[in-house]
Amino acid sequence: MDDEEPARAVLREMLGRLPGVRIVGECADGMEAVKAAAELHPDIVFLDIQMPRLDGFEVAELLDPAVAVVFVTAYDQYAVKAFEVRAVDYVLKPFSEKRLGESFERARERRRARTRADAAALAAASRAPGQFLSRVVVRDGPHIRVIPVDRIDFVGARDDAVALKTEGRQLRKPPCLASLAAALGPARFLRVHRSFVINLDRLQRVELYSKNSHIAILADGSRIPISREGHARLREILEGPPSSPAAGGRGERD
């Protein structure tokens, strides 16, 4: 999958000469690549990193984890991240037919070993250190949703996935809550419970539920439980850190 036709032509020609290869499709952008992979069920996918609409890491995140991924790109700075997410290989352009053949054999071995990609690592791979997500990609049946993080109301743990509430809908995403929570900017998102992260911009009020229990009421009416630790973190954000008595602190209030 590559957005440049000449590059795809070279890749197609070289792969076509390798024994055991049957090319089932090619795409010019990331969104097309995800849809084509869902329809054609390839064993191996060769992906560029920088593509329109979705980048290579976002595409890999949305593929069946059993698909072997080989990144083929002109950019060497993503190599470490590619192997961190268990990519089969990282082939730099320009490449030889021999080099491509080696990648294909590695991919076949990966398929035989049934090694699966690490979804949480894939979700983090395209971000620079210290950078937070600006959007989240989610598979919604046959559709791919690209959701700006400012449209997320809350994220909640759901069995082996997480549920994102956005614009009145809940969408499921594979990574665990901890990995997604770490990827969302702490200036906007707060983990208020072991199973919930809320968008602070959506917070309407906090209500006392029982003696030591609180509920966050969001703008859409969602009621999110708040743990004791989550309440302390929330109060610190909303009221600021406690001041010393000598400095004339405001004290606690609900």
Protein backbone atom coordinates (compact mmCIF):
# COMPACT_ATOMS: atom_id res chain seq x y z
CA MET A 1 0.00 0.00 0.00
CA ASP A 2 1.65 3.21 -1.20
CA ASP A 3 0.30 6.57 -2.35
CA GLU A 4 2.79 6.77 -5.26
CA GLU A 5 1.93 4.77 -8.38
CA PRO A 6 5.58 4.35 -9.54
CA ALA A 7 6.50 2.92 -6.13
CA ARG A 8 3.55 0.53 -6.22
CA ALA A 9 4.50 -0.53 -9.75
CA VAL A 10 8.04 -1.44 -8.67
CA LEU A 11 6.77 -3.33 -5.63
CA ARG A 12 4.12 -5.13 -7.69
CA GLU A 13 6.65 -6.18 -10.35
CA MET A 14 9.20 -7.48 -7.85
CA LEU A 15 6.65 -9.31 -5.72
CA GLY A 16 5.09 -10.82 -8.83
CA ARG A 17 8.38 -12.55 -9.67
CA LEU A 18 8.70 -14.20 -6.26
CA PRO A 19 7.55 -17.84 -6.06
CA GLY A 20 4.47 -18.36 -3.93
CA VAL A 21 3.21 -14.78 -4.21
CA ARG A 22 -0.29 -13.91 -5.34
CA ILE A 23 -1.05 -10.18 -5.28
CA VAL A 24 -4.69 -9.69 -4.29
CA GLY A 25 -4.83 -5.89 -4.25
CA GLU A 26 -3.09 -2.54 -3.96
CA CYS A 27 -4.18 0.83 -2.60
CA ALA A 28 -3.17 4.49 -2.80
CA ASP A 29 -4.17 5.61 0.71
CA GLY A 30 -4.57 4.25 4.21
CA MET A 31 -8.35 4.19 4.33
CA GLU A 32 -8.52 2.17 1.11
CA ALA A 33 -5.90 -0.20 2.51
CA VAL A 34 -7.95 -1.03 5.62
CA LYS A 35 -11.10 -1.63 3.59
CA ALA A 36 -9.30 -3.76 1.01
CA ALA A 37 -7.64 -5.89 3.69
CA ALA A 38 -11.02 -6.52 5.34
CA GLU A 39 -12.48 -7.68 2.02
CA LEU A 40 -9.51 -9.60 0.58
CA HIS A 41 -8.07 -11.20 3.75
CA PRO A 42 -4.36 -11.06 2.78
CA ASP A 43 -1.74 -13.07 4.65
CA ILE A 44 0.90 -10.35 4.25
CA VAL A 45 0.61 -6.59 3.75
CA PHE A 46 3.40 -4.30 2.51
CA LEU A 47 2.79 -0.79 3.87
CA ASP A 48 4.34 2.61 3.38
CA ILE A 49 4.54 4.78 6.51
CA GLN A 50 3.41 8.18 5.24
CA MET A 51 0.15 7.89 3.30
CA PRO A 52 -2.95 10.08 2.90
CA ARG A 53 -5.89 9.79 5.32
CA LEU A 54 -4.33 7.11 7.58
CA ASP A 55 -0.62 6.51 8.08
CA GLY A 56 0.97 3.07 7.99
CA PHE A 57 0.88 2.57 11.75
CA GLU A 58 -2.82 3.49 11.91
CA VAL A 59 -3.54 1.04 9.09
CA ALA A 60 -1.62 -1.73 10.86
CA GLU A 61 -3.57 -1.00 14.05
CA LEU A 62 -6.85 -1.67 12.22
CA LEU A 63 -5.75 -4.85 10.44
CA ASP A 64 -6.46 -8.35 11.68
CA PRO A 65 -3.62 -8.96 14.20
CA ALA A 66 -2.78 -12.21 12.38
CA VAL A 67 -1.78 -10.33 9.19
CA ALA A 68 2.00 -10.07 8.77
CA VAL A 69 3.05 -6.46 8.17
CA VAL A 70 6.15 -5.35 6.27
CA PHE A 71 6.83 -1.60 6.17
CA VAL A 72 8.33 -0.37 2.90
CA THR A 73 9.31 3.29 3.14
CA ALA A 74 11.87 5.98 2.31
CA TYR A 75 11.99 7.14 5.95
CA ASP A 76 14.46 5.43 8.26
CA GLN A 77 13.39 7.22 11.47
CA TYR A 78 10.45 4.87 12.11
CA ALA A 79 12.45 1.62 12.06
CA VAL A 80 12.71 1.19 15.83
CA LYS A 81 8.99 1.81 16.29
CA ALA A 82 8.17 -0.64 13.51
CA PHE A 83 9.96 -3.46 15.30
CA GLU A 84 8.48 -2.43 18.65
CA VAL A 85 5.03 -3.17 17.18
CA ARG A 86 6.26 -6.53 15.89
CA ALA A 87 6.40 -5.65 12.23
CA VAL A 88 7.99 -8.46 10.24
CA ASP A 89 10.49 -6.20 8.51
CA TYR A 90 11.33 -2.60 7.64
CA VAL A 91 12.50 -2.20 4.04
CA LEU A 92 14.03 1.09 2.99
CA LYS A 93 13.59 2.45 -0.53
CA PRO A 94 15.23 1.93 -2.94
CA PHE A 95 15.41 -1.82 -2.38
CA SER A 96 16.51 -4.82 -4.40
CA GLU A 97 14.45 -7.84 -5.38
CA LYS A 98 16.71 -9.94 -3.14
CA ARG A 99 15.95 -7.70 -0.14
CA LEU A 100 12.22 -7.87 -0.83
CA GLY A 101 12.41 -11.64 -1.16
CA GLU A 102 14.04 -11.87 2.26
CA SER A 103 11.17 -9.86 3.75
CA PHE A 104 8.62 -12.09 2.08
CA GLU A 105 10.25 -15.22 3.56
CA ARG A 106 10.28 -13.63 7.02
CA ALA A 107 6.61 -12.79 6.64
CA ARG A 108 5.80 -16.38 5.67
CA GLU A 109 7.63 -17.62 8.75
CA ARG A 110 5.70 -15.16 10.90
CA ARG A 111 2.43 -16.48 9.49
CA ARG A 112 3.48 -20.07 10.23
CA ALA A 113 4.40 -19.09 13.79
CA ARG A 114 1.01 -17.35 14.21
CA THR A 115 2.59 -14.39 15.99
CA ARG A 116 0.12 -11.55 16.40
CA ALA A 117 0.70 -7.81 16.40
CA ASP A 118 0.65 -5.84 19.65
CA ALA A 119 -2.40 -3.54 19.35
CA ALA A 120 -1.39 -1.28 22.24
CA ALA A 121 2.10 -0.77 20.80
CA LEU A 122 0.65 -0.04 17.38
CA ALA A 123 -1.58 2.65 18.85
CA ALA A 124 1.49 4.42 20.28
CA ALA A 125 3.89 3.89 17.40
CA SER A 126 3.15 6.93 15.25
CA ARG A 127 3.55 9.43 18.12
CA ALA A 128 6.80 11.12 19.05
CA PRO A 129 7.91 10.76 22.71
CA GLY A 130 5.90 13.13 24.88
CA GLN A 131 3.29 13.65 22.17
CA PHE A 132 -0.37 12.78 22.75
CA LEU A 133 -3.07 11.61 20.39
CA SER A 134 -4.90 14.20 18.32
CA ARG A 135 -7.25 11.59 16.84
CA VAL A 136 -8.30 7.99 17.35
CA VAL A 137 -9.06 5.54 14.55
CA VAL A 138 -11.81 2.99 15.20
CA ARG A 139 -13.35 0.26 13.09
CA ASP A 140 -17.16 0.61 13.10
CA GLY A 141 -18.52 -2.39 11.20
CA PRO A 142 -17.60 -1.82 7.54
CA HIS A 143 -16.64 1.80 8.27
CA ILE A 144 -13.49 3.43 9.63
CA ARG A 145 -14.06 6.34 11.98
CA VAL A 146 -11.36 8.96 12.53
CA ILE A 147 -12.35 10.71 15.75
CA PRO A 148 -10.66 13.94 16.92
CA VAL A 149 -9.98 13.53 20.63
CA ASP A 150 -11.90 16.71 21.48
CA ARG A 151 -15.09 14.89 20.39
CA ILE A 152 -14.63 12.05 22.88
CA ASP A 153 -16.89 12.28 25.95
CA PHE A 154 -15.38 9.40 27.89
CA VAL A 155 -13.56 6.11 27.50
CA GLY A 156 -14.57 3.03 29.47
CA ALA A 157 -13.19 -0.50 29.89
CA ARG A 158 -15.29 -3.18 28.17
CA ASP A 159 -14.03 -6.76 28.58
CA ASP A 160 -11.02 -7.10 26.24
CA ALA A 161 -11.49 -3.67 24.61
CA VAL A 162 -12.47 -0.10 25.43
CA ALA A 163 -15.61 1.82 24.52
CA LEU A 164 -15.37 5.42 23.31
CA LYS A 165 -18.44 7.61 23.74
CA THR A 166 -18.56 10.24 21.01
CA GLU A 167 -21.44 12.23 19.56
CA GLY A 168 -24.08 9.98 21.12
CA ARG A 169 -22.46 6.67 20.07
CA GLN A 170 -20.24 4.13 21.77
CA LEU A 171 -17.51 2.58 19.61
CA ARG A 172 -15.22 -0.30 20.58
CA LYS A 173 -11.45 -0.28 20.21
CA PRO A 174 -8.98 -3.10 21.02
CA PRO A 175 -6.26 -1.46 23.16
CA CYS A 176 -6.58 -1.72 26.94
CA LEU A 177 -7.78 1.32 28.86
CA ALA A 178 -4.37 1.97 30.43
CA SER A 179 -2.60 2.31 27.07
CA LEU A 180 -5.28 4.59 25.61
CA ALA A 181 -5.45 6.68 28.79
CA ALA A 182 -1.69 7.23 28.61
CA ALA A 183 -2.02 8.38 24.99
CA LEU A 184 -4.65 11.05 25.75
CA GLY A 185 -3.41 14.47 26.87
CA PRO A 186 -3.62 14.91 30.67
CA ALA A 187 -4.64 18.55 30.26
CA ARG A 188 -7.98 17.38 28.82
CA PHE A 189 -8.48 13.77 29.95
CA LEU A 190 -8.48 12.34 33.46
CA ARG A 191 -8.78 8.77 34.71
CA VAL A 192 -11.39 9.15 37.44
CA HIS A 193 -11.94 5.42 38.00
CA ARG A 194 -10.05 2.25 37.16
CA SER A 195 -12.60 1.68 34.36
CA PHE A 196 -13.20 5.25 33.12
CA VAL A 197 -11.38 8.23 31.61
CA ILE A 198 -13.41 11.41 31.09
CA ASN A 199 -12.95 14.45 28.88
CA LEU A 200 -12.79 17.32 31.38
CA ASP A 201 -14.31 19.68 28.83
CA ARG A 202 -17.47 17.54 28.99
CA LEU A 203 -17.74 17.59 32.78
CA GLN A 204 -20.87 19.41 33.99
CA ARG A 205 -20.76 18.70 37.72
CA VAL A 206 -19.77 16.19 40.38
CA GLU A 207 -22.47 14.76 42.66
CA LEU A 208 -22.17 12.91 45.97
CA TYR A 209 -23.44 9.36 45.43
CA SER A 210 -22.85 7.95 48.89
CA LYS A 211 -20.70 8.81 51.90
CA ASN A 212 -17.36 8.29 50.13
CA SER A 213 -18.50 7.94 46.54
CA HIS A 214 -19.05 10.49 43.77
CA ILE A 215 -20.49 10.55 40.26
CA ALA A 216 -19.35 12.73 37.34
CA ILE A 217 -22.23 14.11 35.27
CA LEU A 218 -21.17 14.84 31.70
CA ALA A 219 -22.73 17.24 29.20
CA ASP A 220 -24.53 14.40 27.40
CA GLY A 221 -26.04 13.13 30.67
CA SER A 222 -23.60 10.25 31.12
CA ARG A 223 -23.04 9.32 34.78
CA ILE A 224 -19.48 8.13 35.41
CA PRO A 225 -18.39 6.65 38.76
CA ILE A 226 -15.46 8.36 40.47
CA SER A 227 -13.13 6.46 42.77
CA ARG A 228 -11.67 8.02 45.91
CA GLU A 229 -8.30 8.47 44.16
CA GLY A 230 -10.04 9.80 41.05
CA HIS A 231 -11.94 12.33 43.14
CA ALA A 232 -8.72 13.57 44.72
CA ARG A 233 -7.12 13.99 41.29
CA LEU A 234 -10.22 15.74 39.97
CA ARG A 235 -10.36 18.17 42.89
CA GLU A 236 -6.69 19.01 42.44
CA ILE A 237 -7.30 19.88 38.79
CA LEU A 238 -10.48 21.86 39.43
CA GLU A 239 -9.35 23.64 42.59
CA GLY A 240 -5.56 23.52 42.33
CA PRO A 241 -3.16 21.78 44.74
CA PRO A 242 -3.87 22.26 48.47
CA SER A 243 -2.30 25.38 49.94
CA SER A 244 -0.52 25.46 53.29
CA PRO A 245 -2.43 27.13 56.20
CA ALA A 246 0.18 29.88 56.31
CA ALA A 247 -0.59 30.74 52.72
CA GLY A 248 -4.29 31.01 53.38
CA GLY A 249 -5.53 27.87 51.62
CA ARG A 250 -9.16 27.60 50.54
CA GLY A 251 -9.69 24.22 52.24
CA GLU A 252 -11.80 21.38 50.85
CA ARG A 253 -15.28 21.66 49.48
CA ASP A 254 -17.54 19.38 47.42
